[in-house]
Amino acid sequence: MKAGEKTRLQVLEAALQVIDKEGVDAVTHRRVGQKAGLSHGVVGYHFPTREGLIRKAFEAYLGSFQDYRSKIGWEPTKNMTRAQVIDVLASVVKEEITDSSSVRLDLELALYGSRNPEFADLLTNWVQEGIDRLAGDLKYSGYKQPERLACALTNLVRGFLLDCLSDPTLTEKDFGKRANALLSSFT
């Protein structure tokens, strides 16, 4: 990895740390530079505008949906039973609640999107790609109304993660109970 690329990644990681701890409104070149151990001039060189810095940080955070699928062990061509669907989604939840910063970042990302239509499109497309891929897997697995179920399951995951912010005692097992109830109405 080249030095410039390494510095860009360092800046993006620092920006995400600032967003996690203080929110999007706290992001400035100076604040991110302090967090990264760099001058604000270096941050500004790599990301001339605050909006560009925030957008690139969130893009880096989201990554590709395919990378996310691989990370959680979601096999796209596998005929999934109800228990397997719950296991895949519970692994998403477990990954997210193990590191509460990711739940806060997801919330900050959604809030930022609510104020920035261009970014909202990026987030909406990422979520829609997940829904579409889940719907395809559910259809392959024989579930009724796979598009509707995929949307409902996605909303369940997102809502559950928000609940976890105010109730840290929730676990992936609690999520599994909710997911099982939802899935039983679609099989």
N, C-alpha and C. Protein backbone atom coordinates (compact mmCIF):
# COMPACT_ATOMS: atom_id res chain seq x y z
N MET A 1 0.84 -1.17 0.00
CA MET A 1 0.00 0.00 0.00
C MET A 1 0.90 1.24 0.00
N LYS A 2 0.57 2.16 -0.88
CA LYS A 2 1.36 3.39 -0.98
C LYS A 2 1.08 4.30 0.21
N ALA A 3 2.04 5.18 0.50
CA ALA A 3 1.94 6.07 1.66
C ALA A 3 0.69 6.95 1.58
N GLY A 4 0.39 7.50 0.41
CA GLY A 4 -0.79 8.35 0.26
C GLY A 4 -2.08 7.60 0.53
N GLU A 5 -2.13 6.37 0.06
CA GLU A 5 -3.32 5.53 0.29
C GLU A 5 -3.45 5.20 1.77
N LYS A 6 -2.33 4.92 2.40
CA LYS A 6 -2.33 4.62 3.84
C LYS A 6 -2.82 5.83 4.64
N THR A 7 -2.38 7.02 4.25
CA THR A 7 -2.80 8.24 4.93
C THR A 7 -4.30 8.47 4.73
N ARG A 8 -4.79 8.26 3.51
CA ARG A 8 -6.24 8.41 3.24
C ARG A 8 -7.05 7.49 4.15
N LEU A 9 -6.63 6.24 4.26
CA LEU A 9 -7.34 5.28 5.12
C LEU A 9 -7.27 5.71 6.58
N GLN A 10 -6.13 6.22 6.99
CA GLN A 10 -5.96 6.71 8.37
C GLN A 10 -6.94 7.86 8.63
N VAL A 11 -7.08 8.75 7.67
CA VAL A 11 -8.00 9.89 7.80
C VAL A 11 -9.44 9.39 7.86
N LEU A 12 -9.80 8.46 6.98
CA LEU A 12 -11.17 7.95 6.96
C LEU A 12 -11.52 7.22 8.26
N GLU A 13 -10.58 6.44 8.79
CA GLU A 13 -10.81 5.77 10.07
C GLU A 13 -10.98 6.78 11.20
N ALA A 14 -10.18 7.84 11.17
CA ALA A 14 -10.30 8.89 12.19
C ALA A 14 -11.63 9.60 12.07
N ALA A 15 -12.07 9.86 10.84
CA ALA A 15 -13.37 10.52 10.64
C ALA A 15 -14.50 9.65 11.20
N LEU A 16 -14.43 8.35 10.98
CA LEU A 16 -15.46 7.45 11.51
C LEU A 16 -15.42 7.42 13.04
N GLN A 17 -14.24 7.52 13.62
CA GLN A 17 -14.13 7.56 15.09
C GLN A 17 -14.77 8.84 15.63
N VAL A 18 -14.54 9.96 14.95
CA VAL A 18 -15.16 11.22 15.37
C VAL A 18 -16.68 11.11 15.26
N ILE A 19 -17.15 10.57 14.15
CA ILE A 19 -18.60 10.41 13.95
C ILE A 19 -19.19 9.52 15.03
N ASP A 20 -18.51 8.42 15.33
CA ASP A 20 -18.99 7.49 16.35
C ASP A 20 -19.09 8.15 17.72
N LYS A 21 -18.07 8.88 18.12
CA LYS A 21 -18.04 9.47 19.47
C LYS A 21 -18.80 10.77 19.59
N GLU A 22 -18.80 11.59 18.51
CA GLU A 22 -19.34 12.94 18.63
C GLU A 22 -20.41 13.29 17.61
N GLY A 23 -20.63 12.43 16.63
CA GLY A 23 -21.64 12.69 15.60
C GLY A 23 -21.04 13.38 14.38
N VAL A 24 -21.83 13.38 13.31
CA VAL A 24 -21.39 13.94 12.04
C VAL A 24 -21.07 15.43 12.17
N ASP A 25 -21.85 16.14 12.97
CA ASP A 25 -21.65 17.59 13.09
C ASP A 25 -20.27 17.95 13.66
N ALA A 26 -19.62 17.02 14.33
CA ALA A 26 -18.31 17.28 14.92
C ALA A 26 -17.16 17.13 13.91
N VAL A 27 -17.47 16.63 12.72
CA VAL A 27 -16.42 16.39 11.74
C VAL A 27 -15.92 17.71 11.15
N THR A 28 -14.66 17.98 11.40
CA THR A 28 -13.94 19.08 10.77
C THR A 28 -12.57 18.54 10.38
N HIS A 29 -11.91 19.22 9.47
CA HIS A 29 -10.56 18.78 9.09
C HIS A 29 -9.64 18.79 10.30
N ARG A 30 -9.78 19.81 11.12
CA ARG A 30 -8.93 19.94 12.30
C ARG A 30 -9.19 18.79 13.29
N ARG A 31 -10.45 18.51 13.57
CA ARG A 31 -10.81 17.47 14.56
C ARG A 31 -10.37 16.09 14.07
N VAL A 32 -10.60 15.82 12.78
CA VAL A 32 -10.19 14.53 12.22
C VAL A 32 -8.68 14.42 12.20
N GLY A 33 -8.01 15.51 11.88
CA GLY A 33 -6.54 15.51 11.90
C GLY A 33 -6.01 15.20 13.29
N GLN A 34 -6.60 15.81 14.32
CA GLN A 34 -6.18 15.53 15.69
C GLN A 34 -6.35 14.05 16.02
N LYS A 35 -7.50 13.51 15.64
CA LYS A 35 -7.79 12.10 15.93
C LYS A 35 -6.82 11.17 15.18
N ALA A 36 -6.44 11.57 13.97
CA ALA A 36 -5.54 10.74 13.16
C ALA A 36 -4.07 10.98 13.46
N GLY A 37 -3.77 12.02 14.25
CA GLY A 37 -2.38 12.36 14.51
C GLY A 37 -1.72 13.04 13.32
N LEU A 38 -2.54 13.75 12.54
CA LEU A 38 -2.06 14.44 11.34
C LEU A 38 -2.48 15.90 11.41
N SER A 39 -1.86 16.73 10.61
CA SER A 39 -2.28 18.13 10.55
C SER A 39 -3.59 18.24 9.76
N HIS A 40 -4.34 19.30 10.04
CA HIS A 40 -5.58 19.49 9.29
C HIS A 40 -5.28 19.77 7.82
N GLY A 41 -4.09 20.26 7.54
CA GLY A 41 -3.68 20.48 6.15
C GLY A 41 -3.56 19.18 5.38
N VAL A 42 -3.04 18.14 6.02
CA VAL A 42 -2.93 16.83 5.38
C VAL A 42 -4.33 16.28 5.11
N VAL A 43 -5.22 16.44 6.07
CA VAL A 43 -6.60 15.98 5.89
C VAL A 43 -7.22 16.73 4.71
N GLY A 44 -7.04 18.04 4.68
CA GLY A 44 -7.59 18.87 3.60
C GLY A 44 -6.99 18.55 2.24
N TYR A 45 -5.73 18.15 2.22
CA TYR A 45 -5.09 17.76 0.96
C TYR A 45 -5.80 16.53 0.37
N HIS A 46 -6.07 15.55 1.20
CA HIS A 46 -6.71 14.32 0.73
C HIS A 46 -8.21 14.47 0.53
N PHE A 47 -8.83 15.33 1.33
CA PHE A 47 -10.29 15.54 1.26
C PHE A 47 -10.55 17.03 1.36
N PRO A 48 -10.56 17.73 0.22
CA PRO A 48 -10.65 19.19 0.23
C PRO A 48 -11.91 19.75 0.90
N THR A 49 -13.02 19.01 0.87
CA THR A 49 -14.24 19.53 1.49
C THR A 49 -14.68 18.63 2.64
N ARG A 50 -15.33 19.22 3.58
CA ARG A 50 -15.89 18.48 4.73
C ARG A 50 -16.89 17.45 4.24
N GLU A 51 -17.77 17.86 3.32
CA GLU A 51 -18.79 16.94 2.80
C GLU A 51 -18.14 15.76 2.08
N GLY A 52 -17.08 16.02 1.34
CA GLY A 52 -16.38 14.94 0.66
C GLY A 52 -15.75 13.97 1.64
N LEU A 53 -15.19 14.51 2.72
CA LEU A 53 -14.60 13.68 3.77
C LEU A 53 -15.66 12.79 4.41
N ILE A 54 -16.79 13.38 4.76
CA ILE A 54 -17.87 12.61 5.40
C ILE A 54 -18.38 11.53 4.45
N ARG A 55 -18.62 11.90 3.21
CA ARG A 55 -19.14 10.94 2.23
C ARG A 55 -18.16 9.78 2.04
N LYS A 56 -16.89 10.09 1.87
CA LYS A 56 -15.90 9.02 1.65
C LYS A 56 -15.75 8.15 2.89
N ALA A 57 -15.87 8.74 4.07
CA ALA A 57 -15.80 7.95 5.31
C ALA A 57 -16.97 6.97 5.36
N PHE A 58 -18.16 7.45 5.04
CA PHE A 58 -19.31 6.55 5.06
C PHE A 58 -19.24 5.51 3.94
N GLU A 59 -18.72 5.90 2.77
CA GLU A 59 -18.55 4.92 1.69
C GLU A 59 -17.57 3.83 2.13
N ALA A 60 -16.50 4.23 2.78
CA ALA A 60 -15.53 3.24 3.27
C ALA A 60 -16.18 2.35 4.32
N TYR A 61 -16.99 2.94 5.17
CA TYR A 61 -17.67 2.17 6.21
C TYR A 61 -18.61 1.14 5.59
N LEU A 62 -19.40 1.56 4.61
CA LEU A 62 -20.34 0.64 3.98
C LEU A 62 -19.62 -0.46 3.20
N GLY A 63 -18.59 -0.09 2.45
CA GLY A 63 -17.90 -1.06 1.62
C GLY A 63 -18.85 -1.64 0.59
N SER A 64 -18.51 -2.76 0.04
CA SER A 64 -19.40 -3.39 -0.94
C SER A 64 -20.31 -4.37 -0.20
N PHE A 65 -21.49 -4.54 -0.74
CA PHE A 65 -22.41 -5.48 -0.11
C PHE A 65 -21.87 -6.90 -0.22
N GLN A 66 -21.19 -7.21 -1.31
CA GLN A 66 -20.62 -8.54 -1.48
C GLN A 66 -19.58 -8.83 -0.39
N ASP A 67 -18.75 -7.83 -0.08
CA ASP A 67 -17.77 -8.01 1.00
C ASP A 67 -18.48 -8.25 2.33
N TYR A 68 -19.58 -7.55 2.55
CA TYR A 68 -20.33 -7.72 3.80
C TYR A 68 -20.91 -9.13 3.87
N ARG A 69 -21.46 -9.61 2.77
CA ARG A 69 -22.01 -10.97 2.74
C ARG A 69 -20.94 -11.99 3.10
N SER A 70 -19.78 -11.83 2.52
CA SER A 70 -18.68 -12.77 2.80
C SER A 70 -18.27 -12.71 4.26
N LYS A 71 -18.22 -11.49 4.80
CA LYS A 71 -17.80 -11.29 6.19
C LYS A 71 -18.70 -12.04 7.17
N ILE A 72 -20.01 -12.06 6.90
CA ILE A 72 -20.93 -12.70 7.82
C ILE A 72 -21.24 -14.16 7.45
N GLY A 73 -20.66 -14.64 6.35
CA GLY A 73 -20.85 -16.04 5.98
C GLY A 73 -22.16 -16.34 5.29
N TRP A 74 -22.70 -15.38 4.60
CA TRP A 74 -23.97 -15.55 3.88
C TRP A 74 -23.66 -16.12 2.51
N GLU A 75 -24.04 -17.36 2.29
CA GLU A 75 -23.78 -18.03 1.02
C GLU A 75 -24.97 -17.82 0.09
N PRO A 76 -24.76 -17.13 -1.02
CA PRO A 76 -25.88 -16.70 -1.85
C PRO A 76 -26.63 -17.80 -2.61
N THR A 77 -26.04 -18.95 -2.85
CA THR A 77 -26.73 -19.95 -3.66
C THR A 77 -27.25 -21.12 -2.83
N LYS A 78 -27.22 -20.98 -1.55
CA LYS A 78 -27.59 -22.06 -0.66
C LYS A 78 -29.10 -22.03 -0.38
N ASN A 79 -29.76 -23.19 -0.45
CA ASN A 79 -31.17 -23.29 -0.09
C ASN A 79 -31.25 -23.19 1.42
N MET A 80 -31.84 -22.10 1.93
CA MET A 80 -31.78 -21.81 3.36
C MET A 80 -33.08 -22.20 4.07
N THR A 81 -32.94 -22.96 5.14
CA THR A 81 -34.07 -23.26 6.01
C THR A 81 -34.37 -22.04 6.87
N ARG A 82 -35.47 -22.06 7.59
CA ARG A 82 -35.80 -20.96 8.49
C ARG A 82 -34.69 -20.75 9.51
N ALA A 83 -34.20 -21.83 10.07
CA ALA A 83 -33.12 -21.72 11.06
C ALA A 83 -31.86 -21.10 10.45
N GLN A 84 -31.56 -21.44 9.21
CA GLN A 84 -30.37 -20.87 8.55
C GLN A 84 -30.56 -19.37 8.27
N VAL A 85 -31.76 -18.99 7.85
CA VAL A 85 -32.04 -17.56 7.63
C VAL A 85 -31.85 -16.81 8.94
N ILE A 86 -32.41 -17.35 10.01
CA ILE A 86 -32.27 -16.70 11.33
C ILE A 86 -30.81 -16.65 11.74
N ASP A 87 -30.07 -17.73 11.51
CA ASP A 87 -28.64 -17.75 11.87
C ASP A 87 -27.86 -16.67 11.11
N VAL A 88 -28.13 -16.53 9.81
CA VAL A 88 -27.43 -15.52 9.01
C VAL A 88 -27.73 -14.13 9.54
N LEU A 89 -29.01 -13.85 9.77
CA LEU A 89 -29.40 -12.52 10.24
C LEU A 89 -28.93 -12.29 11.69
N ALA A 90 -28.97 -13.33 12.50
CA ALA A 90 -28.47 -13.20 13.88
C ALA A 90 -26.97 -12.92 13.88
N SER A 91 -26.25 -13.46 12.88
CA SER A 91 -24.82 -13.17 12.81
C SER A 91 -24.59 -11.70 12.45
N VAL A 92 -25.47 -11.14 11.65
CA VAL A 92 -25.40 -9.70 11.35
C VAL A 92 -25.59 -8.92 12.64
N VAL A 93 -26.64 -9.28 13.36
CA VAL A 93 -26.95 -8.59 14.62
C VAL A 93 -25.80 -8.74 15.61
N LYS A 94 -25.29 -9.94 15.75
CA LYS A 94 -24.20 -10.18 16.69
C LYS A 94 -22.98 -9.34 16.34
N GLU A 95 -22.65 -9.31 15.05
CA GLU A 95 -21.51 -8.51 14.58
C GLU A 95 -21.71 -7.04 14.94
N GLU A 96 -22.92 -6.56 14.75
CA GLU A 96 -23.21 -5.15 15.00
C GLU A 96 -23.22 -4.83 16.50
N ILE A 97 -23.86 -5.68 17.31
CA ILE A 97 -23.97 -5.33 18.73
C ILE A 97 -22.71 -5.64 19.52
N THR A 98 -21.84 -6.46 18.96
CA THR A 98 -20.55 -6.72 19.61
C THR A 98 -19.73 -5.44 19.66
N ASP A 99 -19.86 -4.65 18.62
CA ASP A 99 -19.16 -3.36 18.54
C ASP A 99 -20.23 -2.29 18.41
N SER A 100 -20.65 -1.71 19.52
CA SER A 100 -21.75 -0.75 19.49
C SER A 100 -21.45 0.46 18.63
N SER A 101 -20.18 0.70 18.31
CA SER A 101 -19.87 1.83 17.46
C SER A 101 -20.50 1.64 16.08
N SER A 102 -20.60 0.40 15.60
CA SER A 102 -21.20 0.20 14.29
C SER A 102 -22.68 0.54 14.30
N VAL A 103 -23.37 0.28 15.40
CA VAL A 103 -24.79 0.65 15.49
C VAL A 103 -24.92 2.17 15.51
N ARG A 104 -24.07 2.84 16.26
CA ARG A 104 -24.10 4.30 16.28
C ARG A 104 -23.76 4.87 14.91
N LEU A 105 -22.77 4.28 14.24
CA LEU A 105 -22.42 4.74 12.90
C LEU A 105 -23.57 4.54 11.93
N ASP A 106 -24.27 3.41 12.03
CA ASP A 106 -25.44 3.18 11.18
C ASP A 106 -26.49 4.26 11.39
N LEU A 107 -26.72 4.61 12.64
CA LEU A 107 -27.69 5.65 12.95
C LEU A 107 -27.23 7.01 12.42
N GLU A 108 -25.97 7.35 12.65
CA GLU A 108 -25.43 8.60 12.13
C GLU A 108 -25.51 8.64 10.61
N LEU A 109 -25.24 7.51 9.98
CA LEU A 109 -25.32 7.41 8.53
C LEU A 109 -26.74 7.71 8.06
N ALA A 110 -27.73 7.11 8.71
CA ALA A 110 -29.13 7.35 8.33
C ALA A 110 -29.52 8.81 8.58
N LEU A 111 -29.10 9.37 9.70
CA LEU A 111 -29.41 10.76 9.99
C LEU A 111 -28.76 11.70 8.98
N TYR A 112 -27.52 11.41 8.62
CA TYR A 112 -26.83 12.22 7.63
C TYR A 112 -27.56 12.14 6.29
N GLY A 113 -28.00 10.95 5.94
CA GLY A 113 -28.76 10.77 4.71
C GLY A 113 -30.06 11.54 4.70
N SER A 114 -30.66 11.71 5.88
CA SER A 114 -31.93 12.45 5.93
C SER A 114 -31.73 13.93 5.62
N ARG A 115 -30.49 14.42 5.76
CA ARG A 115 -30.21 15.83 5.49
C ARG A 115 -29.46 16.03 4.18
N ASN A 116 -29.10 14.94 3.54
CA ASN A 116 -28.28 15.03 2.34
C ASN A 116 -28.84 14.06 1.30
N PRO A 117 -29.69 14.56 0.39
CA PRO A 117 -30.35 13.67 -0.58
C PRO A 117 -29.39 12.85 -1.44
N GLU A 118 -28.26 13.42 -1.81
CA GLU A 118 -27.30 12.67 -2.63
C GLU A 118 -26.77 11.48 -1.85
N PHE A 119 -26.46 11.70 -0.60
CA PHE A 119 -25.97 10.60 0.22
C PHE A 119 -27.08 9.62 0.55
N ALA A 120 -28.30 10.12 0.71
CA ALA A 120 -29.43 9.23 0.98
C ALA A 120 -29.56 8.21 -0.14
N ASP A 121 -29.32 8.63 -1.38
CA ASP A 121 -29.38 7.70 -2.51
C ASP A 121 -28.34 6.59 -2.37
N LEU A 122 -27.14 6.95 -1.95
CA LEU A 122 -26.08 5.97 -1.76
C LEU A 122 -26.50 4.93 -0.71
N LEU A 123 -27.00 5.41 0.42
CA LEU A 123 -27.43 4.52 1.49
C LEU A 123 -28.63 3.68 1.06
N THR A 124 -29.60 4.31 0.43
CA THR A 124 -30.80 3.60 -0.02
C THR A 124 -30.42 2.49 -1.01
N ASN A 125 -29.51 2.79 -1.92
CA ASN A 125 -29.08 1.78 -2.90
C ASN A 125 -28.37 0.62 -2.22
N TRP A 126 -27.55 0.91 -1.20
CA TRP A 126 -26.84 -0.15 -0.49
C TRP A 126 -27.85 -1.06 0.22
N VAL A 127 -28.80 -0.45 0.91
CA VAL A 127 -29.82 -1.23 1.62
C VAL A 127 -30.66 -2.02 0.62
N GLN A 128 -31.03 -1.38 -0.50
CA GLN A 128 -31.85 -2.06 -1.50
C GLN A 128 -31.11 -3.24 -2.11
N GLU A 129 -29.81 -3.11 -2.31
CA GLU A 129 -29.03 -4.24 -2.82
C GLU A 129 -29.11 -5.41 -1.85
N GLY A 130 -29.04 -5.13 -0.57
CA GLY A 130 -29.17 -6.19 0.43
C GLY A 130 -30.55 -6.83 0.40
N ILE A 131 -31.58 -6.00 0.28
CA ILE A 131 -32.95 -6.54 0.21
C ILE A 131 -33.11 -7.40 -1.03
N ASP A 132 -32.62 -6.91 -2.17
CA ASP A 132 -32.75 -7.66 -3.43
C ASP A 132 -32.03 -9.00 -3.36
N ARG A 133 -30.83 -9.00 -2.80
CA ARG A 133 -30.08 -10.26 -2.71
C ARG A 133 -30.73 -11.22 -1.72
N LEU A 134 -31.21 -10.69 -0.60
CA LEU A 134 -31.91 -11.55 0.35
C LEU A 134 -33.19 -12.10 -0.27
N ALA A 135 -33.92 -11.27 -1.00
CA ALA A 135 -35.15 -11.72 -1.66
C ALA A 135 -34.85 -12.85 -2.65
N GLY A 136 -33.76 -12.71 -3.40
CA GLY A 136 -33.37 -13.77 -4.33
C GLY A 136 -33.07 -15.08 -3.61
N ASP A 137 -32.36 -14.97 -2.50
CA ASP A 137 -32.05 -16.17 -1.72
C ASP A 137 -33.30 -16.79 -1.12
N LEU A 138 -34.21 -15.93 -0.65
CA LEU A 138 -35.46 -16.44 -0.07
C LEU A 138 -36.34 -17.08 -1.15
N LYS A 139 -36.36 -16.49 -2.33
CA LYS A 139 -37.13 -17.07 -3.45
C LYS A 139 -36.55 -18.43 -3.81
N TYR A 140 -35.23 -18.51 -3.93
CA TYR A 140 -34.55 -19.76 -4.23
C TYR A 140 -34.87 -20.82 -3.18
N SER A 141 -35.06 -20.37 -1.95
CA SER A 141 -35.33 -21.29 -0.84
C SER A 141 -36.81 -21.60 -0.68
N GLY A 142 -37.67 -21.04 -1.53
CA GLY A 142 -39.08 -21.39 -1.54
C GLY A 142 -39.99 -20.59 -0.62
N TYR A 143 -39.54 -19.45 -0.13
CA TYR A 143 -40.38 -18.63 0.74
C TYR A 143 -41.44 -17.89 -0.07
N LYS A 144 -42.64 -17.73 0.55
CA LYS A 144 -43.70 -16.95 -0.07
C LYS A 144 -43.35 -15.47 0.00
N GLN A 145 -43.71 -14.73 -1.01
CA GLN A 145 -43.50 -13.28 -1.07
C GLN A 145 -42.08 -12.89 -0.66
N PRO A 146 -41.08 -13.38 -1.37
CA PRO A 146 -39.70 -13.16 -0.93
C PRO A 146 -39.29 -11.69 -0.87
N GLU A 147 -39.79 -10.86 -1.78
CA GLU A 147 -39.43 -9.43 -1.75
C GLU A 147 -39.97 -8.77 -0.49
N ARG A 148 -41.22 -9.07 -0.19
CA ARG A 148 -41.85 -8.49 1.00
C ARG A 148 -41.17 -8.99 2.28
N LEU A 149 -40.86 -10.29 2.31
CA LEU A 149 -40.19 -10.87 3.48
C LEU A 149 -38.79 -10.27 3.64
N ALA A 150 -38.06 -10.13 2.57
CA ALA A 150 -36.72 -9.55 2.64
C ALA A 150 -36.76 -8.13 3.20
N CYS A 151 -37.73 -7.36 2.76
CA CYS A 151 -37.89 -5.99 3.26
C CYS A 151 -38.24 -6.02 4.75
N ALA A 152 -39.15 -6.91 5.14
CA ALA A 152 -39.56 -7.01 6.55
C ALA A 152 -38.39 -7.45 7.42
N LEU A 153 -37.60 -8.41 6.95
CA LEU A 153 -36.45 -8.87 7.73
C LEU A 153 -35.39 -7.78 7.86
N THR A 154 -35.17 -7.04 6.79
CA THR A 154 -34.21 -5.93 6.84
C THR A 154 -34.66 -4.88 7.84
N ASN A 155 -35.94 -4.55 7.80
CA ASN A 155 -36.46 -3.59 8.77
C ASN A 155 -36.39 -4.12 10.19
N LEU A 156 -36.60 -5.41 10.36
CA LEU A 156 -36.48 -6.03 11.68
C LEU A 156 -35.05 -5.88 12.21
N VAL A 157 -34.07 -6.18 11.37
CA VAL A 157 -32.67 -6.05 11.79
C VAL A 157 -32.37 -4.61 12.16
N ARG A 158 -32.75 -3.67 11.31
CA ARG A 158 -32.45 -2.27 11.56
C ARG A 158 -33.14 -1.76 12.82
N GLY A 159 -34.39 -2.14 13.01
CA GLY A 159 -35.12 -1.73 14.22
C GLY A 159 -34.55 -2.36 15.48
N PHE A 160 -34.19 -3.63 15.38
CA PHE A 160 -33.61 -4.31 16.53
C PHE A 160 -32.31 -3.65 16.95
N LEU A 161 -31.49 -3.29 15.99
CA LEU A 161 -30.22 -2.63 16.31
C LEU A 161 -30.45 -1.28 16.98
N LEU A 162 -31.48 -0.57 16.58
CA LEU A 162 -31.82 0.69 17.26
C LEU A 162 -32.25 0.41 18.69
N ASP A 163 -33.03 -0.64 18.88
CA ASP A 163 -33.44 -1.02 20.24
C ASP A 163 -32.22 -1.32 21.12
N CYS A 164 -31.19 -1.91 20.52
CA CYS A 164 -29.98 -2.26 21.27
C CYS A 164 -29.26 -1.04 21.82
N LEU A 165 -29.42 0.11 21.17
CA LEU A 165 -28.78 1.33 21.67
C LEU A 165 -29.32 1.72 23.04
N SER A 166 -30.63 1.51 23.24
CA SER A 166 -31.22 1.89 24.52
C SER A 166 -31.39 0.72 25.48
N ASP A 167 -31.22 -0.50 24.98
CA ASP A 167 -31.32 -1.68 25.85
C ASP A 167 -30.14 -2.62 25.55
N PRO A 168 -29.01 -2.37 26.20
CA PRO A 168 -27.81 -3.18 25.91
C PRO A 168 -27.91 -4.63 26.37
N THR A 169 -29.01 -5.01 27.03
CA THR A 169 -29.14 -6.40 27.44
C THR A 169 -29.65 -7.29 26.31
N LEU A 170 -30.12 -6.69 25.21
CA LEU A 170 -30.61 -7.47 24.08
C LEU A 170 -29.46 -8.24 23.43
N THR A 171 -29.76 -9.46 22.99
CA THR A 171 -28.75 -10.31 22.36
C THR A 171 -29.27 -10.82 21.02
N GLU A 172 -28.40 -11.52 20.31
CA GLU A 172 -28.82 -12.12 19.05
C GLU A 172 -29.90 -13.18 19.27
N LYS A 173 -29.97 -13.76 20.47
CA LYS A 173 -31.04 -14.72 20.77
C LYS A 173 -32.39 -14.02 20.82
N ASP A 174 -32.43 -12.81 21.39
CA ASP A 174 -33.67 -12.04 21.38
C ASP A 174 -34.09 -11.72 19.95
N PHE A 175 -33.10 -11.39 19.13
CA PHE A 175 -33.40 -11.13 17.73
C PHE A 175 -33.95 -12.39 17.08
N GLY A 176 -33.34 -13.54 17.36
CA GLY A 176 -33.78 -14.80 16.78
C GLY A 176 -35.25 -15.08 17.05
N LYS A 177 -35.71 -14.77 18.26
CA LYS A 177 -37.13 -14.98 18.60
C LYS A 177 -38.02 -14.09 17.73
N ARG A 178 -37.62 -12.84 17.56
CA ARG A 178 -38.40 -11.93 16.73
C ARG A 178 -38.40 -12.38 15.27
N ALA A 179 -37.23 -12.79 14.79
CA ALA A 179 -37.12 -13.23 13.40
C ALA A 179 -37.94 -14.50 13.16
N ASN A 180 -37.92 -15.41 14.11
CA ASN A 180 -38.69 -16.64 13.98
C ASN A 180 -40.18 -16.34 13.88
N ALA A 181 -40.65 -15.42 14.69
CA ALA A 181 -42.07 -15.06 14.63
C ALA A 181 -42.43 -14.47 13.27
N LEU A 182 -41.56 -13.62 12.76
CA LEU A 182 -41.81 -13.01 11.45
C LEU A 182 -41.77 -14.06 10.35
N LEU A 183 -40.76 -14.90 10.37
CA LEU A 183 -40.62 -15.92 9.33
C LEU A 183 -41.78 -16.92 9.33
N SER A 184 -42.32 -17.20 10.49
CA SER A 184 -43.41 -18.19 10.55
C SER A 184 -44.65 -17.69 9.81
N SER A 185 -44.79 -16.39 9.66
CA SER A 185 -45.95 -15.87 8.93
C SER A 185 -45.74 -15.89 7.41
N PHE A 186 -44.52 -16.23 6.97
CA PHE A 186 -44.23 -16.26 5.53
C PHE A 186 -43.96 -17.67 5.01
N THR A 187 -44.06 -18.69 5.85
CA THR A 187 -43.77 -20.05 5.37
C THR A 187 -45.02 -20.90 5.37
